[in-house]
C-alpha atoms as a PDB file:
ATOM      1  CA  MET A   1      66.194  50.736  80.197  1.00  0.00           C
ATOM      2  CA  THR A   2      66.683  50.809  83.970  1.00  0.00           C
ATOM      3  CA  ALA A   3      66.558  47.654  86.000  1.00  0.00           C
ATOM      4  CA  GLN A   4      63.919  47.401  88.719  1.00  0.00           C
ATOM      5  CA  ALA A   5      65.255  47.368  92.248  1.00  0.00           C
ATOM      6  CA  PRO A   6      64.890  43.976  93.875  1.00  0.00           C
ATOM      7  CA  VAL A   7      62.322  43.591  96.603  1.00  0.00           C
ATOM      8  CA  ARG A   8      63.894  42.783  99.943  1.00  0.00           C
ATOM      9  CA  PRO A   9      62.541  39.947 102.071  1.00  0.00           C
ATOM     10  CA  GLY A  10      59.565  41.139 104.070  1.00  0.00           C
ATOM     11  CA  GLN A  11      59.151  44.195 101.836  1.00  0.00           C
ATOM     12  CA  GLU A  12      56.141  44.360  99.517  1.00  0.00           C
ATOM     13  CA  LEU A  13      55.207  46.817  96.860  1.00  0.00           C
ATOM     14  CA  ALA A  14      52.334  49.089  97.900  1.00  0.00           C
ATOM     15  CA  PRO A  15      49.188  48.465  95.843  1.00  0.00           C
ATOM     16  CA  ARG A  16      48.053  51.168  93.506  1.00  0.00           C
ATOM     17  CA  PRO A  17      45.245  53.246  94.966  1.00  0.00           C
ATOM     18  CA  VAL A  18      41.845  52.632  93.403  1.00  0.00           C
ATOM     19  CA  ALA A  19      39.793  55.747  92.630  1.00  0.00           C
ATOM     20  CA  GLU A  20      36.057  55.785  92.127  1.00  0.00           C
ATOM     21  CA  THR A  21      34.748  55.798  88.562  1.00  0.00           C
ATOM     22  CA  THR A  22      31.225  55.756  87.158  1.00  0.00           C
ATOM     23  CA  GLY A  23      30.120  52.221  86.428  1.00  0.00           C
ATOM     24  CA  TRP A  24      28.191  51.232  83.303  1.00  0.00           C
ATOM     25  CA  SER A  25      24.517  50.461  83.743  1.00  0.00           C
ATOM     26  CA  ALA A  26      21.369  50.332  81.614  1.00  0.00           C
ATOM     27  CA  PRO A  27      17.826  51.366  82.554  1.00  0.00           C
ATOM     28  CA  GLY A  28      16.331  48.524  84.550  1.00  0.00           C
ATOM     29  CA  VAL A  29      12.617  48.878  83.837  1.00  0.00           C
ATOM     30  CA  PRO A  30      12.788  47.829  80.152  1.00  0.00           C
ATOM     31  CA  VAL A  31      15.063  44.936  81.088  1.00  0.00           C
ATOM     32  CA  LEU A  32      12.603  43.910  83.800  1.00  0.00           C
ATOM     33  CA  ALA A  33       9.760  43.833  81.277  1.00  0.00           C
ATOM     34  CA  ALA A  34      11.876  41.923  78.752  1.00  0.00           C
ATOM     35  CA  GLY A  35      12.942  39.405  81.395  1.00  0.00           C
ATOM     36  CA  VAL A  36       9.356  38.726  82.431  1.00  0.00           C
ATOM     37  CA  VAL A  37       8.365  38.248  78.774  1.00  0.00           C
ATOM     38  CA  LEU A  38      11.284  35.857  78.181  1.00  0.00           C
ATOM     39  CA  LEU A  39      10.368  33.778  81.216  1.00  0.00           C
ATOM     40  CA  LEU A  40       6.703  33.574  80.234  1.00  0.00           C
ATOM     41  CA  ALA A  41       7.629  32.671  76.681  1.00  0.00           C
ATOM     42  CA  GLY A  42      10.092  30.033  77.855  1.00  0.00           C
ATOM     43  CA  ILE A  43       7.540  28.466  80.182  1.00  0.00           C
ATOM     44  CA  TRP A  44       4.930  28.411  77.436  1.00  0.00           C
ATOM     45  CA  LEU A  45       7.309  26.804  74.946  1.00  0.00           C
ATOM     46  CA  LEU A  46       8.449  24.320  77.574  1.00  0.00           C
ATOM     47  CA  ILE A  47       4.853  23.249  78.167  1.00  0.00           C
ATOM     48  CA  ARG A  48       4.255  22.979  74.418  1.00  0.00           C
ATOM     49  CA  GLY A  49       7.443  20.986  73.982  1.00  0.00           C
ATOM     50  CA  ILE A  50       6.566  18.551  76.718  1.00  0.00           C
ATOM     51  CA  GLY A  51       3.145  17.980  75.165  1.00  0.00           C
ATOM     52  CA  GLN A  52       4.639  17.610  71.705  1.00  0.00           C
ATOM     53  CA  ALA A  53       5.292  14.138  70.364  1.00  0.00           C
ATOM     54  CA  ALA A  54       8.899  13.020  70.156  1.00  0.00           C
ATOM     55  CA  GLY A  55      10.640  14.327  67.119  1.00  0.00           C
ATOM     56  CA  ALA A  56      12.490  17.294  65.697  1.00  0.00           C
ATOM     57  CA  ALA A  57       9.796  19.791  66.687  1.00  0.00           C
ATOM     58  CA  HIS A  58       9.851  18.469  70.248  1.00  0.00           C
ATOM     59  CA  THR A  59      13.594  18.932  70.541  1.00  0.00           C
ATOM     60  CA  VAL A  60      13.532  22.425  69.011  1.00  0.00           C
ATOM     61  CA  LEU A  61      10.798  23.610  71.363  1.00  0.00           C
ATOM     62  CA  LEU A  62      12.643  22.322  74.420  1.00  0.00           C
ATOM     63  CA  VAL A  63      15.960  23.890  73.374  1.00  0.00           C
ATOM     64  CA  VAL A  64      14.354  27.257  72.608  1.00  0.00           C
ATOM     65  CA  ALA A  65      12.407  27.148  75.886  1.00  0.00           C
ATOM     66  CA  VAL A  66      15.578  26.479  77.901  1.00  0.00           C
ATOM     67  CA  LEU A  67      17.432  29.312  76.125  1.00  0.00           C
ATOM     68  CA  LEU A  68      14.581  31.719  76.775  1.00  0.00           C
ATOM     69  CA  LEU A  69      14.451  30.731  80.430  1.00  0.00           C
ATOM     70  CA  ILE A  70      18.215  31.219  80.808  1.00  0.00           C
ATOM     71  CA  ALA A  71      18.018  34.620  79.083  1.00  0.00           C
ATOM     72  CA  GLY A  72      15.115  35.669  81.299  1.00  0.00           C
ATOM     73  CA  VAL A  73      16.929  34.589  84.476  1.00  0.00           C
ATOM     74  CA  LEU A  74      20.088  36.459  83.457  1.00  0.00           C
ATOM     75  CA  ALA A  75      18.067  39.561  82.618  1.00  0.00           C
ATOM     76  CA  LEU A  76      16.374  39.552  85.999  1.00  0.00           C
ATOM     77  CA  HIS A  77      19.579  38.662  87.870  1.00  0.00           C
ATOM     78  CA  GLY A  78      21.306  41.732  86.472  1.00  0.00           C
ATOM     79  CA  LEU A  79      18.699  44.114  87.906  1.00  0.00           C
ATOM     80  CA  THR A  80      20.149  46.281  90.659  1.00  0.00           C
ATOM     81  CA  PRO A  81      18.004  48.702  92.694  1.00  0.00           C
ATOM     82  CA  VAL A  82      19.893  51.725  94.052  1.00  0.00           C
ATOM     83  CA  VAL A  83      18.344  53.622  96.953  1.00  0.00           C
ATOM     84  CA  ALA A  84      19.004  57.321  97.560  1.00  0.00           C
ATOM     85  CA  GLY A  85      21.911  57.636  99.991  1.00  0.00           C
ATOM     86  CA  GLU A  86      23.491  54.384  98.839  1.00  0.00           C
ATOM     87  CA  ALA A  87      25.821  53.322  96.038  1.00  0.00           C
ATOM     88  CA  ARG A  88      26.559  50.002  94.374  1.00  0.00           C
ATOM     89  CA  VAL A  89      30.177  49.073  93.685  1.00  0.00           C
ATOM     90  CA  VAL A  90      30.379  46.759  90.657  1.00  0.00           C
ATOM     91  CA  GLN A  91      33.077  44.091  90.836  1.00  0.00           C
ATOM     92  CA  LEU A  92      33.613  41.573  88.027  1.00  0.00           C
ATOM     93  CA  PHE A  93      35.934  38.613  88.572  1.00  0.00           C
ATOM     94  CA  GLY A  94      37.755  40.444  91.356  1.00  0.00           C
ATOM     95  CA  ARG A  95      38.292  43.679  89.420  1.00  0.00           C
ATOM     96  CA  TYR A  96      36.648  47.021  90.147  1.00  0.00           C
ATOM     97  CA  ARG A  97      34.325  48.051  87.306  1.00  0.00           C
ATOM     98  CA  GLY A  98      32.849  51.291  88.640  1.00  0.00           C
ATOM     99  CA  THR A  99      30.215  52.623  91.005  1.00  0.00           C
ATOM    100  CA  VAL A 100      26.520  53.211  90.335  1.00  0.00           C
ATOM    101  CA  ARG A 101      25.243  56.151  92.413  1.00  0.00           C
ATOM    102  CA  ALA A 102      22.097  57.306  90.579  1.00  0.00           C
ATOM    103  CA  PRO A 103      18.986  56.121  92.476  1.00  0.00           C
ATOM    104  CA  GLY A 104      16.568  53.882  90.612  1.00  0.00           C
ATOM    105  CA  LEU A 105      16.467  50.471  88.962  1.00  0.00           C
ATOM    106  CA  HIS A 106      19.587  49.672  86.915  1.00  0.00           C
ATOM    107  CA  TRP A 107      20.779  46.693  84.945  1.00  0.00           C
ATOM    108  CA  VAL A 108      24.432  45.679  85.102  1.00  0.00           C
ATOM    109  CA  ASN A 109      26.405  42.643  84.103  1.00  0.00           C
ATOM    110  CA  PRO A 110      24.587  39.715  85.764  1.00  0.00           C
ATOM    111  CA  PHE A 111      27.901  37.984  86.484  1.00  0.00           C
ATOM    112  CA  ALA A 112      29.239  40.992  88.408  1.00  0.00           C
ATOM    113  CA  ARG A 113      29.122  41.349  92.156  1.00  0.00           C
ATOM    114  CA  ARG A 114      27.336  44.463  93.394  1.00  0.00           C
ATOM    115  CA  ARG A 115      28.476  45.623  96.835  1.00  0.00           C
ATOM    116  CA  LYS A 116      26.304  48.093  98.731  1.00  0.00           C
ATOM    117  CA  VAL A 117      28.009  51.133 100.282  1.00  0.00           C
ATOM    118  CA  SER A 118      26.177  53.788 102.282  1.00  0.00           C
ATOM    119  CA  VAL A 119      27.115  57.361 101.349  1.00  0.00           C
ATOM    120  CA  ARG A 120      24.894  58.946 103.991  1.00  0.00           C
ATOM    121  CA  ILE A 121      26.284  61.263 106.661  1.00  0.00           C
ATOM    122  CA  ARG A 122      27.249  59.312 109.763  1.00  0.00           C
ATOM    123  CA  ASN A 123      28.087  60.128 113.376  1.00  0.00           C
ATOM    124  CA  HIS A 124      30.695  58.406 115.487  1.00  0.00           C
ATOM    125  CA  GLU A 125      31.186  59.162 119.166  1.00  0.00           C
ATOM    126  CA  THR A 126      34.372  57.942 120.766  1.00  0.00           C
ATOM    127  CA  ALA A 127      34.403  56.233 124.106  1.00  0.00           C
ATOM    128  CA  MET A 128      35.611  58.239 127.068  1.00  0.00           C
ATOM    129  CA  ALA A 129      39.396  58.037 127.131  1.00  0.00           C
ATOM    130  CA  LYS A 130      41.754  58.854 129.997  1.00  0.00           C
ATOM    131  CA  VAL A 131      44.809  60.684 128.675  1.00  0.00           C
ATOM    132  CA  ASN A 132      47.591  62.770 130.174  1.00  0.00           C
ATOM    133  CA  ASP A 133      47.591  66.336 128.860  1.00  0.00           C
ATOM    134  CA  ALA A 134      50.728  68.299 127.963  1.00  0.00           C
ATOM    135  CA  ASP A 135      51.327  69.047 131.675  1.00  0.00           C
ATOM    136  CA  GLY A 136      51.018  65.393 132.640  1.00  0.00           C
ATOM    137  CA  ASN A 137      47.628  65.763 134.321  1.00  0.00           C
ATOM    138  CA  PRO A 138      45.188  62.879 133.695  1.00  0.00           C
ATOM    139  CA  ILE A 139      42.045  64.075 131.936  1.00  0.00           C
ATOM    140  CA  GLU A 140      38.925  62.400 130.563  1.00  0.00           C
ATOM    141  CA  ILE A 141      38.044  63.297 126.989  1.00  0.00           C
ATOM    142  CA  ALA A 142      35.590  62.158 124.318  1.00  0.00           C
ATOM    143  CA  ALA A 143      34.578  63.518 120.928  1.00  0.00           C
ATOM    144  CA  VAL A 144      32.031  63.065 118.153  1.00  0.00           C
ATOM    145  CA  VAL A 145      32.914  63.182 114.458  1.00  0.00           C
ATOM    146  CA  VAL A 146      30.522  63.636 111.534  1.00  0.00           C
ATOM    147  CA  TRP A 147      31.814  61.908 108.405  1.00  0.00           C
ATOM    148  CA  GLN A 148      30.734  60.661 104.983  1.00  0.00           C
ATOM    149  CA  VAL A 149      32.088  58.316 102.316  1.00  0.00           C
ATOM    150  CA  ALA A 150      33.291  60.353  99.339  1.00  0.00           C
ATOM    151  CA  ASP A 151      35.116  57.635  97.358  1.00  0.00           C
ATOM    152  CA  THR A 152      33.395  54.247  97.485  1.00  0.00           C
ATOM    153  CA  ALA A 153      36.274  52.448  95.765  1.00  0.00           C
ATOM    154  CA  GLN A 154      38.824  53.569  98.343  1.00  0.00           C
ATOM    155  CA  ALA A 155      36.406  52.806 101.164  1.00  0.00           C
ATOM    156  CA  LEU A 156      36.118  49.164 100.050  1.00  0.00           C
ATOM    157  CA  TYR A 157      39.534  48.407  98.583  1.00  0.00           C
ATOM    158  CA  ALA A 158      42.011  50.712 100.366  1.00  0.00           C
ATOM    159  CA  VAL A 159      41.181  49.669 103.937  1.00  0.00           C
ATOM    160  CA  ASP A 160      39.552  46.762 105.696  1.00  0.00           C
ATOM    161  CA  GLU A 161      36.149  47.637 107.248  1.00  0.00           C
ATOM    162  CA  PHE A 162      36.188  51.395 106.766  1.00  0.00           C
ATOM    163  CA  PRO A 163      33.728  52.179 109.643  1.00  0.00           C
ATOM    164  CA  LYS A 164      36.078  50.465 112.077  1.00  0.00           C
ATOM    165  CA  PHE A 165      39.037  52.239 110.467  1.00  0.00           C
ATOM    166  CA  VAL A 166      37.357  55.621 110.990  1.00  0.00           C
ATOM    167  CA  ALA A 167      36.584  54.771 114.621  1.00  0.00           C
ATOM    168  CA  ILE A 168      40.164  53.769 115.416  1.00  0.00           C
ATOM    169  CA  GLN A 169      41.723  56.742 113.639  1.00  0.00           C
ATOM    170  CA  THR A 170      39.303  59.134 115.373  1.00  0.00           C
ATOM    171  CA  GLU A 171      40.219  57.800 118.796  1.00  0.00           C
ATOM    172  CA  THR A 172      43.918  58.047 117.920  1.00  0.00           C
ATOM    173  CA  ALA A 173      43.524  61.673 116.837  1.00  0.00           C
ATOM    174  CA  VAL A 174      41.594  62.564 120.007  1.00  0.00           C
ATOM    175  CA  ARG A 175      44.315  61.066 122.188  1.00  0.00           C
ATOM    176  CA  HIS A 176      47.042  62.863 120.240  1.00  0.00           C
ATOM    177  CA  ILE A 177      45.303  66.239 120.509  1.00  0.00           C
ATOM    178  CA  ALA A 178      44.626  65.752 124.219  1.00  0.00           C
ATOM    179  CA  SER A 179      48.273  64.971 124.944  1.00  0.00           C
ATOM    180  CA  SER A 180      49.544  67.891 122.847  1.00  0.00           C
ATOM    181  CA  TYR A 181      47.889  70.734 124.814  1.00  0.00           C
ATOM    182  CA  PRO A 182      47.409  71.523 128.508  1.00  0.00           C
ATOM    183  CA  TYR A 183      43.965  71.421 130.071  1.00  0.00           C
ATOM    184  CA  THR A 184      44.180  75.075 131.114  1.00  0.00           C
ATOM    185  CA  SER A 185      46.530  77.801 129.890  1.00  0.00           C
ATOM    186  CA  HIS A 186      49.225  79.249 132.117  1.00  0.00           C
ATOM    187  CA  GLY A 187      49.577  82.547 130.300  1.00  0.00           C
ATOM    188  CA  GLY A 188      51.855  83.424 127.436  1.00  0.00           C
ATOM    189  CA  GLY A 189      49.180  82.988 124.787  1.00  0.00           C
ATOM    190  CA  GLU A 190      49.431  79.182 124.613  1.00  0.00           C
ATOM    191  CA  LEU A 191      46.449  77.127 123.507  1.00  0.00           C
ATOM    192  CA  SER A 192      44.592  74.989 126.023  1.00  0.00           C
ATOM    193  CA  LEU A 193      41.849  72.408 125.742  1.00  0.00           C
ATOM    194  CA  ARG A 194      39.380  74.263 127.944  1.00  0.00           C
ATOM    195  CA  ASP A 195      40.041  77.894 127.014  1.00  0.00           C
ATOM    196  CA  ASN A 196      40.475  77.478 123.230  1.00  0.00           C
ATOM    197  CA  ALA A 197      37.711  75.064 122.292  1.00  0.00           C
ATOM    198  CA  GLU A 198      37.176  76.417 118.755  1.00  0.00           C
ATOM    199  CA  GLU A 199      40.854  76.252 117.784  1.00  0.00           C
ATOM    200  CA  ILE A 200      41.240  72.795 119.304  1.00  0.00           C
ATOM    201  CA  THR A 201      38.203  71.390 117.468  1.00  0.00           C
ATOM    202  CA  GLN A 202      39.472  72.826 114.180  1.00  0.00           C
ATOM    203  CA  ARG A 203      42.826  71.123 114.652  1.00  0.00           C
ATOM    204  CA  LEU A 204      41.071  67.921 115.692  1.00  0.00           C
ATOM    205  CA  SER A 205      38.946  67.970 112.518  1.00  0.00           C
ATOM    206  CA  ALA A 206      42.025  68.569 110.372  1.00  0.00           C
ATOM    207  CA  GLU A 207      43.943  65.702 111.974  1.00  0.00           C
ATOM    208  CA  ILE A 208      41.042  63.248 111.679  1.00  0.00           C
ATOM    209  CA  ALA A 209      40.498  64.238 108.043  1.00  0.00           C
ATOM    210  CA  ASP A 210      44.167  63.646 107.282  1.00  0.00           C
ATOM    211  CA  ARG A 211      44.116  60.234 108.957  1.00  0.00           C
ATOM    212  CA  VAL A 212      40.976  58.918 107.183  1.00  0.00           C
ATOM    213  CA  ARG A 213      41.653  60.427 103.750  1.00  0.00           C
ATOM    214  CA  SER A 214      43.171  57.153 102.525  1.00  0.00           C
ATOM    215  CA  ALA A 215      39.809  55.433 103.134  1.00  0.00           C
ATOM    216  CA  GLY A 216      37.921  57.829 100.844  1.00  0.00           C
ATOM    217  CA  VAL A 217      36.196  59.486 103.813  1.00  0.00           C
ATOM    218  CA  VAL A 218      35.655  63.207 104.373  1.00  0.00           C
ATOM    219  CA  VAL A 219      35.156  64.766 107.812  1.00  0.00           C
ATOM    220  CA  ILE A 220      32.320  67.275 108.002  1.00  0.00           C
ATOM    221  CA  GLU A 221      32.659  68.300 111.643  1.00  0.00           C
ATOM    222  CA  SER A 222      34.094  67.158 114.954  1.00  0.00           C
ATOM    223  CA  ARG A 223      33.382  68.338 118.498  1.00  0.00           C
ATOM    224  CA  LEU A 224      34.565  67.513 121.995  1.00  0.00           C
ATOM    225  CA  THR A 225      31.675  66.050 123.977  1.00  0.00           C
ATOM    226  CA  ARG A 226      33.466  65.521 127.294  1.00  0.00           C
ATOM    227  CA  LEU A 227      36.465  67.255 128.821  1.00  0.00           C
ATOM    228  CA  SER A 228      37.289  67.115 132.516  1.00  0.00           C
ATOM    229  CA  TYR A 229      40.005  66.196 134.960  1.00  0.00           C
ATOM    230  CA  ALA A 230      40.196  62.569 135.996  1.00  0.00           C
ATOM    231  CA  ALA A 231      38.438  61.656 139.238  1.00  0.00           C
ATOM    232  CA  GLU A 232      41.662  61.113 141.172  1.00  0.00           C
ATOM    233  CA  ILE A 233      42.807  64.734 140.740  1.00  0.00           C
ATOM    234  CA  ALA A 234      39.490  66.516 140.230  1.00  0.00           C
ATOM    235  CA  GLN A 235      39.239  67.747 143.850  1.00  0.00           C
ATOM    236  CA  ALA A 236      42.823  68.965 143.924  1.00  0.00           C
ATOM    237  CA  MET A 237      42.400  70.817 140.635  1.00  0.00           C
ATOM    238  CA  LEU A 238      39.132  72.313 141.861  1.00  0.00           C
ATOM    239  CA  ARG A 239      40.890  73.727 144.913  1.00  0.00           C
ATOM    240  CA  GLN A 240      43.626  75.096 142.664  1.00  0.00           C
ATOM    241  CA  GLN A 241      41.056  76.807 140.453  1.00  0.00           C
ATOM    242  CA  GLN A 242      39.307  78.253 143.493  1.00  0.00           C
ATOM    243  CA  ALA A 243      42.618  79.559 144.829  1.00  0.00           C
ATOM    244  CA  ASN A 244      43.412  81.148 141.457  1.00  0.00           C
ATOM    245  CA  ALA A 245      39.971  82.771 141.451  1.00  0.00           C
ATOM    246  CA  VAL A 246      40.477  84.156 144.955  1.00  0.00           C
ATOM    247  CA  VAL A 247      43.901  85.528 144.067  1.00  0.00           C
ATOM    248  CA  GLY A 248      42.523  87.150 140.948  1.00  0.00           C
ATOM    249  CA  ALA A 249      39.641  88.714 142.839  1.00  0.00           C
ATOM    250  CA  ARG A 250      41.904  90.068 145.576  1.00  0.00           C
ATOM    251  CA  GLN A 251      44.215  91.505 142.943  1.00  0.00           C
ATOM    252  CA  ARG A 252      41.317  93.381 141.355  1.00  0.00           C
ATOM    253  CA  ILE A 253      40.208  94.684 144.761  1.00  0.00           C
ATOM    254  CA  VAL A 254      43.701  95.949 145.600  1.00  0.00           C
ATOM    255  CA  GLU A 255      44.059  97.636 142.215  1.00  0.00           C
ATOM    256  CA  GLY A 256      40.720  99.376 142.708  1.00  0.00           C
ATOM    257  CA  ALA A 257      41.551 100.401 146.275  1.00  0.00           C
ATOM    258  CA  VAL A 258      44.891 101.891 145.264  1.00  0.00           C
ATOM    259  CA  GLY A 259      43.186 103.886 142.542  1.00  0.00           C
ATOM    260  CA  MET A 260      40.567 105.213 144.952  1.00  0.00           C
ATOM    261  CA  VAL A 261      43.199 106.231 147.519  1.00  0.00           C
ATOM    262  CA  ARG A 262      45.240 108.003 144.866  1.00  0.00           C
ATOM    263  CA  LEU A 263      42.146 109.849 143.675  1.00  0.00           C
ATOM    264  CA  ALA A 264      41.208 110.866 147.259  1.00  0.00           C
ATOM    265  CA  LEU A 265      44.672 112.298 147.968  1.00  0.00           C
ATOM    266  CA  MET A 266      44.691 114.193 144.674  1.00  0.00           C
ATOM    267  CA  ARG A 267      41.260 115.732 145.330  1.00  0.00           C
ATOM    268  CA  LEU A 268      42.187 116.762 148.887  1.00  0.00           C
ATOM    269  CA  GLU A 269      45.349 118.378 147.634  1.00  0.00           C
ATOM    270  CA  GLU A 270      43.700 120.142 144.690  1.00  0.00           C
ATOM    271  CA  GLU A 271      40.765 121.538 146.666  1.00  0.00           C
ATOM    272  CA  GLY A 272      42.876 122.423 149.722  1.00  0.00           C
ATOM    273  CA  VAL A 273      40.555 120.794 152.197  1.00  0.00           C
ATOM    274  CA  VAL A 274      43.332 119.790 154.571  1.00  0.00           C
ATOM    275  CA  GLU A 275      47.108 119.763 154.503  1.00  0.00           C
ATOM    276  CA  LEU A 276      48.729 116.476 155.416  1.00  0.00           C
ATOM    277  CA  ASP A 277      52.364 115.727 155.966  1.00  0.00           C
ATOM    278  CA  GLU A 278      53.933 112.506 154.735  1.00  0.00           C
ATOM    279  CA  GLU A 279      53.311 110.688 158.008  1.00  0.00           C
ATOM    280  CA  ARG A 280      49.602 111.562 158.048  1.00  0.00           C
ATOM    281  CA  LYS A 281      49.297 110.676 154.373  1.00  0.00           C
ATOM    282  CA  ALA A 282      50.748 107.267 155.143  1.00  0.00           C
ATOM    283  CA  ALA A 283      48.285 106.776 158.003  1.00  0.00           C
ATOM    284  CA  MET A 284      45.391 107.850 155.804  1.00  0.00           C
ATOM    285  CA  VAL A 285      46.481 105.505 153.026  1.00  0.00           C
ATOM    286  CA  SER A 286      46.745 102.622 155.499  1.00  0.00           C
ATOM    287  CA  ASN A 287      43.284 103.289 156.936  1.00  0.00           C
ATOM    288  CA  LEU A 288      41.666 103.599 153.495  1.00  0.00           C
ATOM    289  CA  LEU A 289      43.280 100.387 152.244  1.00  0.00           C
ATOM    290  CA  VAL A 290      42.090  98.531 155.320  1.00  0.00           C
ATOM    291  CA  VAL A 291      38.556  99.780 154.797  1.00  0.00           C
ATOM    292  CA  LEU A 292      38.467  99.125 151.050  1.00  0.00           C
ATOM    293  CA  CYS A 293      40.252  95.762 151.028  1.00  0.00           C
ATOM    294  CA  SER A 294      38.690  94.223 154.125  1.00  0.00           C
ATOM    295  CA  GLU A 295      36.273  91.367 153.548  1.00  0.00           C
ATOM    296  CA  GLN A 296      34.258  92.311 156.653  1.00  0.00           C
ATOM    297  CA  ALA A 297      32.603  95.562 157.663  1.00  0.00           C
ATOM    298  CA  THR A 298      34.984  97.883 159.517  1.00  0.00           C
ATOM    299  CA  GLN A 299      34.103  99.546 162.834  1.00  0.00           C
ATOM    300  CA  GLN A 300      34.124 103.326 162.833  1.00  0.00           C
ATOM    301  CA  VAL A 301      36.214 105.171 165.446  1.00  0.00           C
ATOM    302  CA  VAL A 302      35.475 108.845 166.211  1.00  0.00           C
ATOM    303  CA  ASN A 303      38.580 110.865 166.937  1.00  0.00           C
ATOM    304  CA  THR A 304      37.705 113.451 169.670  1.00  0.00           C
ATOM    305  CA  GLY A 305      41.194 114.845 169.881  1.00  0.00           C
ATOM    306  CA  SER A 306      43.293 116.643 167.366  1.00  0.00           C
ATOM    307  CA  LEU A 307      44.443 115.269 164.083  1.00  0.00           C
ATOM    308  CA  TYR A 308      47.770 114.312 165.607  1.00  0.00           C
ATOM    309  CA  GLN A 309      46.462 112.531 168.680  1.00  0.00           C
END
């Protein structure tokens, strides 16, 4: 037999996790009818007992009437209506006794506490948070998560106020994801918040689900609802994006112009239209590139001399 390790000061043993089980319940309609009958019978006997002369019969009628009234009250007190989309967690003297999920009228132990828990699908939208991305740029980000209670026992006993727990863990996950990736990619196949929205939302859903699993909550979906640079750097980043767009466009124009010049020289050489030396080829290439790459319309010049003047 091994000795149990002593608990250090300030260290407590973690409580055992409570898993949801099906709670015992009886059909409530027959109990409702029986409770009404017991109350009516108790009231009738109580009236008869009060009108009865003092004696043994008087005492018996009063005792039976009180017992019937107590039984009727307990029968009606144990009735528990369960609405579709809700569950009732049964707790007796501080101990979990199961969960009643089936909709309808049920009867449970009248001394038990029945706590209502919604198992409907819920939405939670985080407040707009200002976070630095992986490159250190301040961004504004917000998200919405769709979640549902899967284990009512864990939702009530594993955490304190599970809706607030889900909200805090969701905001923590959003901040962690935002600080783990850059806003825009810089090449190399890296993920970014703006360019890889599907992959980012999948990882966000997985992280939120892992954080709220201890509360008996499942995450159905999560999406980013706001993603932008912070106001203090928005103009600078806009100019940077415009510059990148201009550079990319000019690069495409130059690539196309070079291809057209190469094709023109090849066709002239193949069809023997004119023979050009290296110097004239260079001049022709320069003129064609100026014409093709210029942003403004070029002015035509008619050469009235020879090709070499």
